Amino acid sequence: MHHELSEQESIRRESLKELEKAGINPYPAEAFDVNINTSEIHSKFPENKELYQDISIAGRIMTRRIMGAASFVDLQDSSGRIQLYIKRDDICPGEDKSLYNTVFKRLLDIGDIIGVTGFVFITQMGEISIHVKSLKLLSKSLRVLPVVKEKDDQVFDAFSDPEQRYRQRYVDLIVNPEIRDIFVKRSQIINSMRSLFNERGYLEVETPILQPIPGGAAARPFTTHHNALDMPLYLRVANELYLKKLIVGGFDGVYEFAKDFRNEGMDRTHNPEFTVMEIYVAYKDYFWMMDFTEEMLERVALALHKRTDVQVGERTIDFKRPFRRLTMTDAIKQYAGVDISGKSESELRTICSELGIETAPSMGTGKLIDAIFGEKCEEHLIQPTFIMDYPIEMSPLCKRHRSNPELTERFELFVNGKELCNAYSELNDPIDQLDRFQDQLKLSQKGDDEAMFIDMDFVRALEYGMPTCSGMGIGIDRLTMFMTNQPSIQDVLFFPQMRPEKKATPQGDSDEAFVEAGVPEVWVAVLRKYGFKTVADLKAGNPNKMLNDLGGLRKKMKLDIPALKLEEIQEWVKA
């Protein structure tokens, strides 16, 4: 893909050529031995100075202050920044001073990655720094970083446009290093959960991403085709059914951190590819799973923040146990002012109409109840709240309630008005399960493209016998949003899904038009950088001024082409 080089990018490519001519490989293959990072130096240096007299560190040049025979550089590695003090005679102890005078001063740029050795000291200004004894270029940067500048407490050139940040996350991480902390905490969240599960003796497993039936959730799948088997396959919408088959197979507890995919809408809390953790434990019910979920989330909050109260936007959310528990029926009574108990589909449609809630003909009883709950209740559930005992129509994989067959033993945890996790006492009656699948098929025939498929292999597994079991799934992306106080799911994904990048449309005349006007091909790009986008612009130019300016641009860009003569430019203008 052709990319028109900016003036600075052209200069950097010329520097690259000069480095190679000087015998310096701008991308060396050999390892550079790093024995310390900036964070360790800043935190430990004053304690034992003798440990820091022979250090080796690598990172990216973020600022340079060249001051004759000595210069200062801000070096950034994965843990932070530190100042380098670079003295010409130290890195060039012999007669040849080209490493400093030519390579460092002229051919290195902000963004280049270097490795240095030396010792740590404190400057007269009181700043911990590295006195450099040797320097090596490890990677030449050909693009200019959007380096943030500050003056009088004002920030300039900040890399803050969300679309640019998500699309070029690698640049975001370089120039906005605080973003890294979000992803470090994301890893800590997963590690905290995994530690709890492993302590309990549960087994971490992997299940298929490509599935012949997209089961385990009511969601629209992505489809693909397997050429060797000549059959359609689906990216999984959930990993539930495979995990429950492992419970049938005899494991007491299994869990998986999985990528799931749903071909649905995108917004600030939804991405078509997302990370979920699902866990299934034999001989447990949904009451046990509520207690376990409370313990897990309290543990995560403490691991990240050393306390249970977490700032989420303008609110403080407290993950200290126990959480509030409320049945769905009671929640709808409290917040919508209606009783849905025993209501038929037509009665629920009337209720929706009276409440001003839009419905579609394909919506069955379950989706109508879900619409009422979503419109009237969710926004009120700010502190962690278990909504439990869902109507049976909403939960085709869930066990009937032990005291009310119209309900199921299911809960969802809501935090800050959003669903965070979903859990059941799992349905293990194969006859009931098949009937529920048949009900889903009827919804599909009515036009519900999110209705579940019938998975006969899962029914067969249940026919062999699955013990009483409770399962829970939690969205890792949304949990990370809450725990790191981020407003959008894109902020907690390294590389969120984006629309295709718009291609820049060429402006002005083609290169051929300039050549036809008499301009040598090697000068067309230079004229464009000078500001001439059309031949008409060129003809309106002042030849004398152009001779002077283009000559200066040729030197600045270090172009290996002959200097122009006034007569040549006059011919361009006249042609």
Protein backbone atom coordinates (compact mmCIF):
# COMPACT_ATOMS: atom_id res chain seq x y z
CA MET A 1 0.00 0.00 0.00
CA HIS A 2 1.58 3.25 -1.15
CA HIS A 3 2.03 5.94 1.49
CA GLU A 4 3.09 9.43 0.45
CA LEU A 5 6.01 10.34 2.66
CA SER A 6 6.02 13.52 4.67
CA GLU A 7 9.09 15.71 4.72
CA GLN A 8 10.18 14.29 8.08
CA GLU A 9 9.66 10.72 6.91
CA SER A 10 11.78 11.38 3.83
CA ILE A 11 14.54 12.83 6.01
CA ARG A 12 14.47 9.76 8.25
CA ARG A 13 14.80 7.43 5.27
CA GLU A 14 17.80 9.42 4.10
CA SER A 15 19.28 9.06 7.61
CA LEU A 16 18.68 5.33 7.30
CA LYS A 17 20.73 5.23 4.09
CA GLU A 18 23.55 7.24 5.70
CA LEU A 19 23.66 4.85 8.65
CA GLU A 20 23.97 1.92 6.29
CA LYS A 21 26.72 3.70 4.33
CA ALA A 22 28.58 4.21 7.63
CA GLY A 23 28.43 0.46 8.26
CA ILE A 24 25.79 0.68 11.00
CA ASN A 25 22.96 -1.85 10.77
CA PRO A 26 19.80 0.07 11.78
CA TYR A 27 18.05 -3.24 12.61
CA PRO A 28 20.74 -5.52 14.12
CA ALA A 29 19.90 -9.19 14.69
CA GLU A 30 22.03 -9.90 17.76
CA ALA A 31 20.58 -9.74 21.27
CA PHE A 32 21.22 -6.74 23.52
CA ASP A 33 21.77 -7.79 27.12
CA VAL A 34 19.45 -5.75 29.38
CA ASN A 35 20.07 -6.14 33.12
CA ILE A 36 17.76 -3.50 34.62
CA ASN A 37 14.70 -1.34 33.90
CA THR A 38 13.90 2.28 34.65
CA SER A 39 11.41 1.48 37.38
CA GLU A 40 13.96 -0.48 39.40
CA ILE A 41 16.52 2.32 39.09
CA HIS A 42 14.07 4.98 40.28
CA SER A 43 12.85 2.89 43.20
CA LYS A 44 16.14 1.42 44.46
CA PHE A 45 19.11 3.48 43.30
CA PRO A 46 19.79 5.62 46.37
CA GLU A 47 19.85 2.53 48.64
CA ASN A 48 22.93 0.88 47.16
CA LYS A 49 24.77 2.95 44.57
CA GLU A 50 27.45 0.33 43.98
CA LEU A 51 24.90 -2.05 42.42
CA TYR A 52 24.25 0.46 39.64
CA GLN A 53 27.77 1.16 38.36
CA ASP A 54 27.57 -1.27 35.44
CA ILE A 55 24.06 -1.24 34.03
CA SER A 56 22.71 -2.08 30.60
CA ILE A 57 19.32 -0.76 29.53
CA ALA A 58 17.34 -0.34 26.31
CA GLY A 59 14.38 1.76 25.26
CA ARG A 60 12.98 4.42 22.97
CA ILE A 61 14.28 8.00 22.63
CA MET A 62 11.42 10.30 23.69
CA THR A 63 13.21 13.66 23.94
CA ARG A 64 16.70 14.99 23.04
CA ARG A 65 18.53 18.08 24.26
CA ILE A 66 21.81 18.44 22.33
CA MET A 67 24.30 20.76 24.02
CA GLY A 68 27.57 20.66 22.09
CA ALA A 69 29.85 17.91 23.37
CA ALA A 70 27.27 16.64 25.86
CA SER A 71 23.57 15.93 25.54
CA PHE A 72 20.56 14.69 27.47
CA VAL A 73 18.02 12.09 26.30
CA ASP A 74 14.81 10.84 27.87
CA LEU A 75 14.71 7.06 27.41
CA GLN A 76 11.42 5.15 27.77
CA ASP A 77 11.27 1.41 28.39
CA SER A 78 8.33 -0.82 29.38
CA SER A 79 8.38 0.40 32.98
CA GLY A 80 8.89 4.16 32.66
CA ARG A 81 11.36 6.89 31.70
CA ILE A 82 14.85 7.88 32.76
CA GLN A 83 17.28 10.60 31.72
CA LEU A 84 20.49 9.71 29.89
CA TYR A 85 23.60 11.89 30.02
CA ILE A 86 25.62 11.35 26.84
CA LYS A 87 29.11 12.84 26.61
CA ARG A 88 30.99 12.79 23.28
CA ASP A 89 34.36 11.68 24.65
CA ASP A 90 32.80 8.89 26.72
CA ILE A 91 31.03 7.14 23.86
CA CYS A 92 33.88 8.03 21.44
CA PRO A 93 37.06 7.48 23.51
CA GLY A 94 39.39 7.45 20.46
CA GLU A 95 40.07 9.91 17.68
CA ASP A 96 36.93 9.02 15.73
CA LYS A 97 34.04 11.08 17.11
CA SER A 98 31.54 10.18 14.40
CA LEU A 99 29.33 8.07 16.70
CA TYR A 100 28.48 11.25 18.60
CA ASN A 101 28.91 14.01 16.03
CA THR A 102 27.26 12.23 13.11
CA VAL A 103 25.25 9.25 14.29
CA PHE A 104 23.84 10.58 17.56
CA LYS A 105 23.47 14.26 16.67
CA ARG A 106 22.39 13.98 13.02
CA LEU A 107 21.08 10.51 12.25
CA LEU A 108 19.18 9.49 15.39
CA ASP A 109 15.62 10.74 16.00
CA ILE A 110 12.89 10.74 18.61
CA GLY A 111 11.29 7.30 18.45
CA ASP A 112 14.53 5.39 17.72
CA ILE A 113 15.23 2.44 19.99
CA ILE A 114 18.73 2.34 21.49
CA GLY A 115 20.67 0.29 24.00
CA VAL A 116 23.16 1.90 26.37
CA THR A 117 25.56 0.86 29.12
CA GLY A 118 26.86 3.06 31.89
CA PHE A 119 26.34 3.97 35.54
CA VAL A 120 23.60 5.70 37.51
CA PHE A 121 24.18 9.06 39.20
CA ILE A 122 22.23 12.08 40.41
CA THR A 123 22.59 15.34 38.48
CA GLN A 124 23.13 18.74 40.07
CA MET A 125 19.40 19.31 39.52
CA GLY A 126 18.70 16.25 41.67
CA GLU A 127 17.51 13.97 38.85
CA ILE A 128 18.41 10.28 38.78
CA SER A 129 20.16 9.71 35.44
CA ILE A 130 22.38 7.27 33.55
CA HIS A 131 25.87 8.39 32.54
CA VAL A 132 26.25 6.60 29.20
CA LYS A 133 29.54 4.81 28.43
CA SER A 134 28.42 3.07 25.22
CA LEU A 135 25.48 3.45 22.84
CA LYS A 136 24.04 1.20 20.14
CA LEU A 137 21.18 1.74 17.69
CA LEU A 138 18.73 -1.17 17.96
CA SER A 139 15.90 0.01 15.68
CA LYS A 140 15.49 3.06 13.47
CA SER A 141 12.05 4.70 13.59
CA LEU A 142 10.85 5.86 10.15
CA ARG A 143 7.63 7.54 11.30
CA VAL A 144 7.36 10.60 13.51
CA LEU A 145 5.81 10.03 16.92
CA PRO A 146 3.01 12.41 17.98
CA VAL A 147 5.05 13.46 21.01
CA VAL A 148 3.00 15.31 23.60
CA LYS A 149 4.33 18.75 24.56
CA GLU A 150 3.48 20.75 27.66
CA LYS A 151 3.90 24.47 28.31
CA ASP A 152 2.37 26.54 31.10
CA ASP A 153 0.24 23.52 32.13
CA GLN A 154 -1.20 23.31 28.61
CA VAL A 155 -0.88 20.11 26.57
CA PHE A 156 -0.12 20.29 22.85
CA ASP A 157 -0.11 17.60 20.14
CA ALA A 158 -1.72 15.02 22.43
CA PHE A 159 -2.51 11.70 20.76
CA SER A 160 -6.07 11.72 22.09
CA ASP A 161 -8.44 11.08 19.18
CA PRO A 162 -10.21 7.80 20.14
CA GLU A 163 -10.34 6.40 16.62
CA GLN A 164 -6.62 7.00 16.08
CA ARG A 165 -5.79 5.55 19.49
CA TYR A 166 -7.80 2.35 18.94
CA ARG A 167 -6.60 1.93 15.35
CA GLN A 168 -2.93 2.58 16.19
CA ARG A 169 -2.78 1.14 19.71
CA TYR A 170 1.00 0.67 19.34
CA VAL A 171 1.40 4.46 19.10
CA ASP A 172 -1.09 5.00 21.92
CA LEU A 173 0.99 2.79 24.23
CA ILE A 174 4.19 4.66 23.34
CA VAL A 175 2.99 8.24 23.81
CA ASN A 176 0.31 7.63 26.47
CA PRO A 177 2.12 5.17 28.78
CA GLU A 178 -0.64 5.42 31.41
CA ILE A 179 -2.79 3.35 29.03
CA ARG A 180 -0.55 0.36 29.77
CA ASP A 181 -1.80 0.30 33.35
CA ILE A 182 -5.31 -0.57 32.15
CA PHE A 183 -4.02 -3.71 30.46
CA VAL A 184 -1.74 -4.61 33.35
CA LYS A 185 -4.80 -4.49 35.61
CA ARG A 186 -6.78 -6.56 33.10
CA SER A 187 -4.14 -9.25 33.44
CA GLN A 188 -4.26 -8.95 37.24
CA ILE A 189 -8.05 -9.45 37.16
CA ILE A 190 -7.70 -12.69 35.21
CA ASN A 191 -4.82 -13.90 37.38
CA SER A 192 -6.80 -13.19 40.57
CA MET A 193 -9.76 -15.20 39.29
CA ARG A 194 -7.58 -18.03 38.01
CA SER A 195 -5.80 -18.20 41.38
CA LEU A 196 -9.13 -18.64 43.21
CA PHE A 197 -10.31 -21.37 40.84
CA ASN A 198 -7.03 -23.25 41.05
CA GLU A 199 -7.05 -23.06 44.85
CA ARG A 200 -10.43 -24.81 44.75
CA GLY A 201 -9.03 -27.53 42.51
CA TYR A 202 -11.01 -26.64 39.38
CA LEU A 203 -9.47 -27.51 36.02
CA GLU A 204 -8.75 -24.91 33.34
CA VAL A 205 -9.73 -26.31 29.93
CA GLU A 206 -10.05 -25.31 26.27
CA THR A 207 -13.07 -26.01 24.08
CA PRO A 208 -13.64 -25.50 20.32
CA ILE A 209 -14.04 -22.05 18.82
CA LEU A 210 -15.29 -23.44 15.50
CA GLN A 211 -18.50 -25.32 16.26
CA PRO A 212 -21.02 -27.22 14.11
CA ILE A 213 -23.85 -25.76 16.23
CA PRO A 214 -23.59 -22.32 17.88
CA GLY A 215 -25.07 -23.37 21.22
CA GLY A 216 -25.08 -22.07 24.76
CA ALA A 217 -26.61 -18.64 24.24
CA ALA A 218 -29.39 -16.85 22.39
CA ALA A 219 -27.27 -14.86 19.96
CA ARG A 220 -26.65 -14.41 16.24
CA PRO A 221 -23.48 -16.29 15.18
CA PHE A 222 -20.74 -15.62 12.66
CA THR A 223 -20.69 -18.32 9.98
CA THR A 224 -17.86 -19.80 7.94
CA HIS A 225 -17.21 -22.88 5.80
CA HIS A 226 -14.83 -25.77 6.40
CA ASN A 227 -13.46 -26.74 2.99
CA ALA A 228 -11.99 -30.14 3.90
CA LEU A 229 -15.19 -31.32 5.60
CA ASP A 230 -17.41 -29.36 3.18
CA MET A 231 -19.68 -28.17 5.97
CA PRO A 232 -20.75 -24.88 7.58
CA LEU A 233 -19.20 -23.98 10.92
CA TYR A 234 -19.90 -21.19 13.41
CA LEU A 235 -17.70 -19.12 15.65
CA ARG A 236 -18.86 -19.96 19.14
CA VAL A 237 -21.35 -17.67 20.82
CA ALA A 238 -20.69 -19.42 24.16
CA ASN A 239 -18.66 -22.33 25.49
CA GLU A 240 -21.34 -23.55 27.91
CA LEU A 241 -22.44 -26.81 26.30
CA TYR A 242 -18.92 -28.18 25.86
CA LEU A 243 -18.03 -27.39 29.46
CA LYS A 244 -21.15 -29.15 30.73
CA LYS A 245 -20.23 -32.19 28.63
CA LEU A 246 -17.00 -32.29 30.67
CA ILE A 247 -19.07 -32.32 33.88
CA VAL A 248 -20.94 -35.30 32.39
CA GLY A 249 -17.52 -36.86 31.75
CA GLY A 250 -16.66 -36.77 35.44
CA PHE A 251 -14.84 -33.52 36.23
CA ASP A 252 -16.06 -31.82 39.42
CA GLY A 253 -15.17 -28.31 38.29
CA VAL A 254 -14.00 -26.84 34.99
CA TYR A 255 -13.46 -23.27 33.78
CA GLU A 256 -12.31 -21.50 30.64
CA PHE A 257 -11.24 -17.97 29.71
CA ALA A 258 -12.60 -17.88 26.17
CA LYS A 259 -13.05 -15.67 23.15
CA ASP A 260 -16.70 -15.67 22.07
CA PHE A 261 -18.20 -14.05 18.98
CA ARG A 262 -21.67 -12.61 18.38
CA ASN A 263 -22.65 -11.06 15.06
CA GLU A 264 -24.64 -8.27 16.65
CA GLY A 265 -24.44 -4.55 17.33
CA MET A 266 -21.48 -2.57 18.61
CA ASP A 267 -21.63 0.15 21.22
CA ARG A 268 -19.72 1.40 24.27
CA THR A 269 -20.34 -1.87 26.14
CA HIS A 270 -20.47 -4.44 23.31
CA ASN A 271 -17.87 -5.74 20.87
CA PRO A 272 -18.54 -8.61 18.44
CA GLU A 273 -15.43 -10.41 19.75
CA PHE A 274 -15.27 -10.51 23.52
CA THR A 275 -13.66 -12.40 26.39
CA VAL A 276 -15.73 -14.40 28.83
CA MET A 277 -14.94 -16.68 31.72
CA GLU A 278 -17.31 -19.61 32.25
CA ILE A 279 -17.09 -21.99 35.21
CA TYR A 280 -19.14 -25.10 36.05
CA VAL A 281 -19.03 -26.89 39.38
CA ALA A 282 -20.74 -30.23 40.07
CA TYR A 283 -23.06 -30.79 43.03
CA LYS A 284 -23.69 -27.04 43.50
CA ASP A 285 -26.71 -24.79 42.89
CA TYR A 286 -27.26 -21.14 42.06
CA PHE A 287 -27.32 -20.10 45.72
CA TRP A 288 -23.80 -21.50 46.13
CA MET A 289 -22.75 -19.75 42.91
CA MET A 290 -24.02 -16.39 44.21
CA ASP A 291 -21.80 -16.75 47.27
CA PHE A 292 -18.87 -17.82 45.09
CA THR A 293 -19.36 -14.87 42.71
CA GLU A 294 -19.38 -12.44 45.63
CA GLU A 295 -16.14 -13.92 46.92
CA MET A 296 -14.53 -13.78 43.47
CA LEU A 297 -15.39 -10.11 42.79
CA GLU A 298 -14.46 -8.94 46.28
CA ARG A 299 -11.11 -10.69 45.81
CA VAL A 300 -10.56 -9.01 42.42
CA ALA A 301 -11.29 -5.54 43.84
CA LEU A 302 -8.89 -6.09 46.73
CA ALA A 303 -6.17 -7.43 44.41
CA LEU A 304 -6.37 -4.32 42.21
CA HIS A 305 -7.20 -1.56 44.67
CA LYS A 306 -6.52 -2.92 48.18
CA ARG A 307 -10.12 -2.01 49.00
CA THR A 308 -13.60 -3.05 47.88
CA ASP A 309 -14.98 0.34 46.83
CA VAL A 310 -14.18 1.20 43.20
CA GLN A 311 -14.72 4.46 41.32
CA VAL A 312 -16.87 3.95 38.20
CA GLY A 313 -17.53 7.24 36.46
CA GLU A 314 -19.05 9.59 39.04
CA ARG A 315 -20.20 6.71 41.24
CA THR A 316 -18.49 4.61 43.88
CA ILE A 317 -19.33 0.92 43.57
CA ASP A 318 -18.71 -1.28 46.61
CA PHE A 319 -17.90 -4.94 45.91
CA LYS A 320 -17.88 -5.90 49.58
CA ARG A 321 -19.94 -9.02 50.35
CA PRO A 322 -22.88 -9.67 50.56
CA PHE A 323 -24.62 -8.21 47.49
CA ARG A 324 -28.30 -7.29 47.28
CA ARG A 325 -30.63 -10.09 46.01
CA LEU A 326 -33.92 -9.38 44.20
CA THR A 327 -36.22 -11.58 42.12
CA MET A 328 -36.97 -10.44 38.57
CA THR A 329 -40.70 -10.33 39.30
CA ASP A 330 -40.11 -8.10 42.34
CA ALA A 331 -37.69 -5.88 40.40
CA ILE A 332 -40.31 -5.28 37.68
CA LYS A 333 -42.96 -4.61 40.34
CA GLN A 334 -40.65 -2.13 42.07
CA TYR A 335 -39.34 -0.23 39.06
CA ALA A 336 -42.01 -0.73 36.34
CA GLY A 337 -45.06 -0.88 38.60
CA VAL A 338 -46.53 -4.03 36.98
CA ASP A 339 -46.91 -7.67 38.00
CA ILE A 340 -45.84 -10.07 35.23
CA SER A 341 -46.66 -13.25 37.16
CA GLY A 342 -48.63 -15.70 35.01
CA LYS A 343 -49.12 -13.23 32.17
CA SER A 344 -49.64 -14.58 28.64
CA GLU A 345 -47.78 -13.34 25.58
CA SER A 346 -50.68 -11.14 24.50
CA GLU A 347 -51.02 -9.68 28.02
CA LEU A 348 -47.30 -8.90 28.07
CA ARG A 349 -47.60 -7.15 24.70
CA THR A 350 -50.36 -5.00 26.15
CA ILE A 351 -48.16 -4.17 29.16
CA CYS A 352 -45.30 -3.23 26.85
CA SER A 353 -47.61 -0.99 24.85
CA GLU A 354 -48.86 0.73 28.00
CA LEU A 355 -45.26 1.28 29.14
CA GLY A 356 -44.20 2.66 25.76
CA ILE A 357 -41.84 -0.25 25.04
CA GLU A 358 -41.37 -1.24 21.40
CA THR A 359 -41.95 -4.90 20.46
CA ALA A 360 -41.66 -7.08 17.35
CA PRO A 361 -43.90 -9.96 16.19
CA SER A 362 -40.98 -12.40 16.56
CA MET A 363 -40.67 -11.68 20.30
CA GLY A 364 -41.95 -14.42 22.55
CA THR A 365 -42.86 -14.25 26.24
CA GLY A 366 -39.24 -14.33 27.37
CA LYS A 367 -38.08 -11.46 25.18
CA LEU A 368 -41.11 -9.36 26.11
CA ILE A 369 -40.29 -9.76 29.81
CA ASP A 370 -36.64 -9.03 29.06
CA ALA A 371 -37.67 -5.84 27.24
CA ILE A 372 -39.70 -4.63 30.24
CA PHE A 373 -36.84 -5.38 32.59
CA GLY A 374 -34.25 -3.76 30.34
CA GLU A 375 -36.24 -0.57 29.80
CA LYS A 376 -37.54 -0.04 33.32
CA CYS A 377 -35.22 -1.77 35.80
CA GLU A 378 -31.59 -2.04 34.74
CA GLU A 379 -30.71 1.64 35.09
CA HIS A 380 -31.66 1.53 38.79
CA LEU A 381 -29.32 -1.36 39.65
CA ILE A 382 -26.18 0.59 40.53
CA GLN A 383 -24.64 -1.26 43.46
CA PRO A 384 -23.97 -4.99 42.85
CA THR A 385 -27.40 -6.67 42.73
CA PHE A 386 -28.31 -10.27 41.96
CA ILE A 387 -31.53 -10.41 39.90
CA MET A 388 -32.79 -13.97 40.35
CA ASP A 389 -35.61 -16.41 39.51
CA TYR A 390 -36.16 -15.60 35.83
CA PRO A 391 -39.32 -16.75 33.98
CA ILE A 392 -38.75 -20.10 32.27
CA GLU A 393 -39.23 -18.65 28.78
CA MET A 394 -36.05 -16.60 29.21
CA SER A 395 -33.76 -19.46 30.20
CA PRO A 396 -33.75 -22.53 27.92
CA LEU A 397 -30.67 -24.09 29.58
CA CYS A 398 -31.66 -23.44 33.18
CA LYS A 399 -33.20 -25.73 35.82
CA ARG A 400 -36.82 -25.14 36.78
CA HIS A 401 -37.24 -23.45 40.13
CA ARG A 402 -37.60 -25.96 42.93
CA SER A 403 -40.73 -24.25 44.30
CA ASN A 404 -42.27 -22.56 41.22
CA PRO A 405 -42.18 -24.41 37.87
CA GLU A 406 -42.94 -21.16 35.98
CA LEU A 407 -39.53 -19.79 37.04
CA THR A 408 -35.92 -20.92 36.76
CA GLU A 409 -33.00 -21.01 39.17
CA ARG A 410 -31.06 -18.30 37.41
CA PHE A 411 -29.40 -15.06 38.43
CA GLU A 412 -27.70 -12.21 36.68
CA LEU A 413 -25.45 -9.78 38.51
CA PHE A 414 -26.02 -6.12 37.65
CA VAL A 415 -23.48 -3.40 38.41
CA ASN A 416 -23.78 0.28 37.49
CA GLY A 417 -26.92 -0.48 35.47
CA LYS A 418 -25.24 -3.19 33.34
CA GLU A 419 -25.29 -6.98 33.39
CA LEU A 420 -21.93 -8.35 34.53
CA CYS A 421 -22.49 -12.09 34.87
CA ASN A 422 -25.10 -14.78 34.27
CA ALA A 423 -25.51 -18.05 36.21
CA TYR A 424 -27.85 -21.03 36.66
CA SER A 425 -28.61 -24.13 38.52
CA GLU A 426 -27.96 -26.07 35.31
CA LEU A 427 -30.73 -28.05 33.65
CA ASN A 428 -29.77 -31.73 33.73
CA ASP A 429 -33.09 -33.32 32.74
CA PRO A 430 -32.60 -34.44 29.10
CA ILE A 431 -36.33 -34.68 28.35
CA ASP A 432 -37.00 -31.18 29.68
CA GLN A 433 -33.95 -29.89 27.83
CA LEU A 434 -35.16 -31.28 24.50
CA ASP A 435 -38.57 -29.69 25.05
CA ARG A 436 -36.90 -26.33 25.70
CA PHE A 437 -34.83 -26.66 22.53
CA GLN A 438 -38.06 -27.37 20.62
CA ASP A 439 -39.54 -24.16 22.03
CA GLN A 440 -36.47 -22.29 20.78
CA LEU A 441 -37.00 -23.81 17.33
CA LYS A 442 -40.54 -22.41 17.28
CA LEU A 443 -39.15 -18.95 18.09
CA SER A 444 -36.68 -19.30 15.24
CA GLN A 445 -39.51 -20.19 12.87
CA LYS A 446 -41.29 -17.00 13.97
CA GLY A 447 -38.27 -15.00 12.82
CA ASP A 448 -36.14 -14.76 15.98
CA ASP A 449 -32.60 -15.01 14.57
CA GLU A 450 -31.12 -15.16 18.08
CA ALA A 451 -33.04 -18.30 19.13
CA MET A 452 -30.90 -21.31 20.09
CA PHE A 453 -30.17 -24.22 17.78
CA ILE A 454 -31.11 -27.75 18.83
CA ASP A 455 -27.93 -29.56 19.92
CA MET A 456 -28.81 -33.25 19.92
CA ASP A 457 -25.30 -34.26 21.00
CA PHE A 458 -25.73 -32.19 24.16
CA VAL A 459 -29.10 -33.87 24.79
CA ARG A 460 -27.40 -37.24 24.32
CA ALA A 461 -24.74 -36.26 26.85
CA LEU A 462 -27.44 -35.39 29.39
CA GLU A 463 -29.08 -38.76 28.76
CA TYR A 464 -25.92 -40.37 30.16
CA GLY A 465 -26.49 -38.33 33.32
CA MET A 466 -25.11 -34.99 34.49
CA PRO A 467 -24.92 -34.34 38.25
CA THR A 468 -26.52 -31.35 39.89
CA CYS A 469 -24.38 -28.48 38.67
CA SER A 470 -24.12 -24.72 38.76
CA GLY A 471 -22.48 -22.61 36.08
CA MET A 472 -21.58 -18.95 35.75
CA GLY A 473 -20.29 -16.76 32.93
CA ILE A 474 -18.77 -13.31 33.39
CA GLY A 475 -17.65 -10.79 30.77
CA ILE A 476 -13.98 -9.98 31.34
CA ASP A 477 -14.11 -6.86 29.15
CA ARG A 478 -16.97 -5.30 31.09
CA LEU A 479 -15.45 -6.31 34.43
CA THR A 480 -12.23 -4.59 33.36
CA MET A 481 -14.21 -1.46 32.43
CA PHE A 482 -15.63 -1.33 35.96
CA MET A 483 -12.39 -2.15 37.75
CA THR A 484 -10.31 0.40 35.77
CA ASN A 485 -13.00 3.10 35.46
CA GLN A 486 -13.10 3.13 31.66
CA PRO A 487 -16.23 4.41 29.87
CA SER A 488 -15.96 2.28 26.72
CA ILE A 489 -15.21 -1.36 25.97
CA GLN A 490 -12.79 -0.17 23.27
CA ASP A 491 -10.63 1.28 26.05
CA VAL A 492 -10.01 -2.16 27.58
CA LEU A 493 -9.33 -4.03 24.32
CA PHE A 494 -5.87 -3.75 22.82
CA PHE A 495 -7.26 -3.95 19.29
CA PRO A 496 -11.03 -3.36 19.14
CA GLN A 497 -12.97 -3.97 15.94
CA MET A 498 -12.98 -0.87 13.70
CA ARG A 499 -14.53 0.07 10.41
CA PRO A 500 -12.04 -0.09 7.51
CA GLU A 501 -9.72 2.89 7.47
CA LYS A 502 -10.75 5.42 4.85
CA LYS A 503 -8.19 5.69 2.09
CA ALA A 504 -6.88 9.17 1.47
CA THR A 505 -8.11 10.37 -1.91
CA PRO A 506 -5.36 11.93 -4.01
CA GLN A 507 -5.78 15.66 -4.37
CA GLY A 508 -4.67 17.63 -7.40
CA ASP A 509 -3.25 16.49 -10.72
CA SER A 510 -1.61 13.14 -11.33
CA ASP A 511 2.16 12.65 -11.46
CA GLU A 512 1.82 12.11 -15.22
CA ALA A 513 0.32 15.59 -15.63
CA PHE A 514 3.40 17.16 -14.03
CA VAL A 515 5.73 15.08 -16.18
CA GLU A 516 3.85 16.15 -19.33
CA ALA A 517 4.42 19.77 -18.23
CA GLY A 518 8.17 19.12 -18.37
CA VAL A 519 8.87 18.32 -14.69
CA PRO A 520 11.41 15.47 -14.22
CA GLU A 521 9.74 12.56 -12.39
CA VAL A 522 12.21 12.77 -9.47
CA TRP A 523 11.04 16.32 -8.72
CA VAL A 524 7.26 15.66 -8.70
CA ALA A 525 7.14 14.48 -5.08
CA VAL A 526 9.28 17.46 -4.01
CA LEU A 527 6.93 19.89 -5.76
CA ARG A 528 3.97 18.31 -3.95
CA LYS A 529 5.71 18.79 -0.60
CA TYR A 530 6.44 22.38 -1.60
CA GLY A 531 2.69 22.86 -1.98
CA PHE A 532 1.98 22.49 -5.69
CA LYS A 533 -0.96 20.08 -6.09
CA THR A 534 -1.82 20.97 -9.70
CA VAL A 535 0.05 22.04 -12.84
CA ALA A 536 -1.93 25.28 -12.69
CA ASP A 537 -0.43 26.00 -9.25
CA LEU A 538 3.01 25.38 -10.72
CA LYS A 539 2.49 27.78 -13.64
CA ALA A 540 1.39 30.52 -11.24
CA GLY A 541 4.64 30.23 -9.26
CA ASN A 542 7.58 32.65 -9.19
CA PRO A 543 10.58 30.86 -10.82
CA ASN A 544 13.20 32.78 -8.81
CA LYS A 545 11.54 32.04 -5.47
CA MET A 546 10.97 28.41 -6.50
CA LEU A 547 14.67 28.02 -7.37
CA ASN A 548 15.69 29.19 -3.92
CA ASP A 549 13.03 27.26 -2.00
CA LEU A 550 13.36 24.00 -3.92
CA GLY A 551 17.13 24.13 -3.55
CA GLY A 552 16.73 24.48 0.21
CA LEU A 553 14.21 21.64 0.30
CA ARG A 554 16.60 19.42 -1.70
CA LYS A 555 19.31 19.96 0.91
CA LYS A 556 16.97 19.51 3.86
CA MET A 557 15.62 16.24 2.47
CA LYS A 558 19.16 15.13 1.54
CA LEU A 559 17.99 14.25 -1.97
CA ASP A 560 20.56 12.59 -4.20
CA ILE A 561 19.47 14.47 -7.36
CA PRO A 562 21.13 17.31 -9.33
CA ALA A 563 20.43 20.91 -8.29
CA LEU A 564 17.94 22.80 -10.43
CA LYS A 565 18.73 25.66 -12.77
CA LEU A 566 16.56 28.72 -13.19
CA GLU A 567 16.09 27.97 -16.88
CA GLU A 568 14.58 24.55 -16.07
CA ILE A 569 11.99 26.03 -13.73
CA GLN A 570 11.15 28.75 -16.24
CA GLU A 571 10.44 26.04 -18.83
CA TRP A 572 8.01 24.31 -16.39
CA VAL A 573 6.15 27.58 -15.90
CA LYS A 574 5.97 28.39 -19.60
CA ALA A 575 5.00 24.91 -20.85
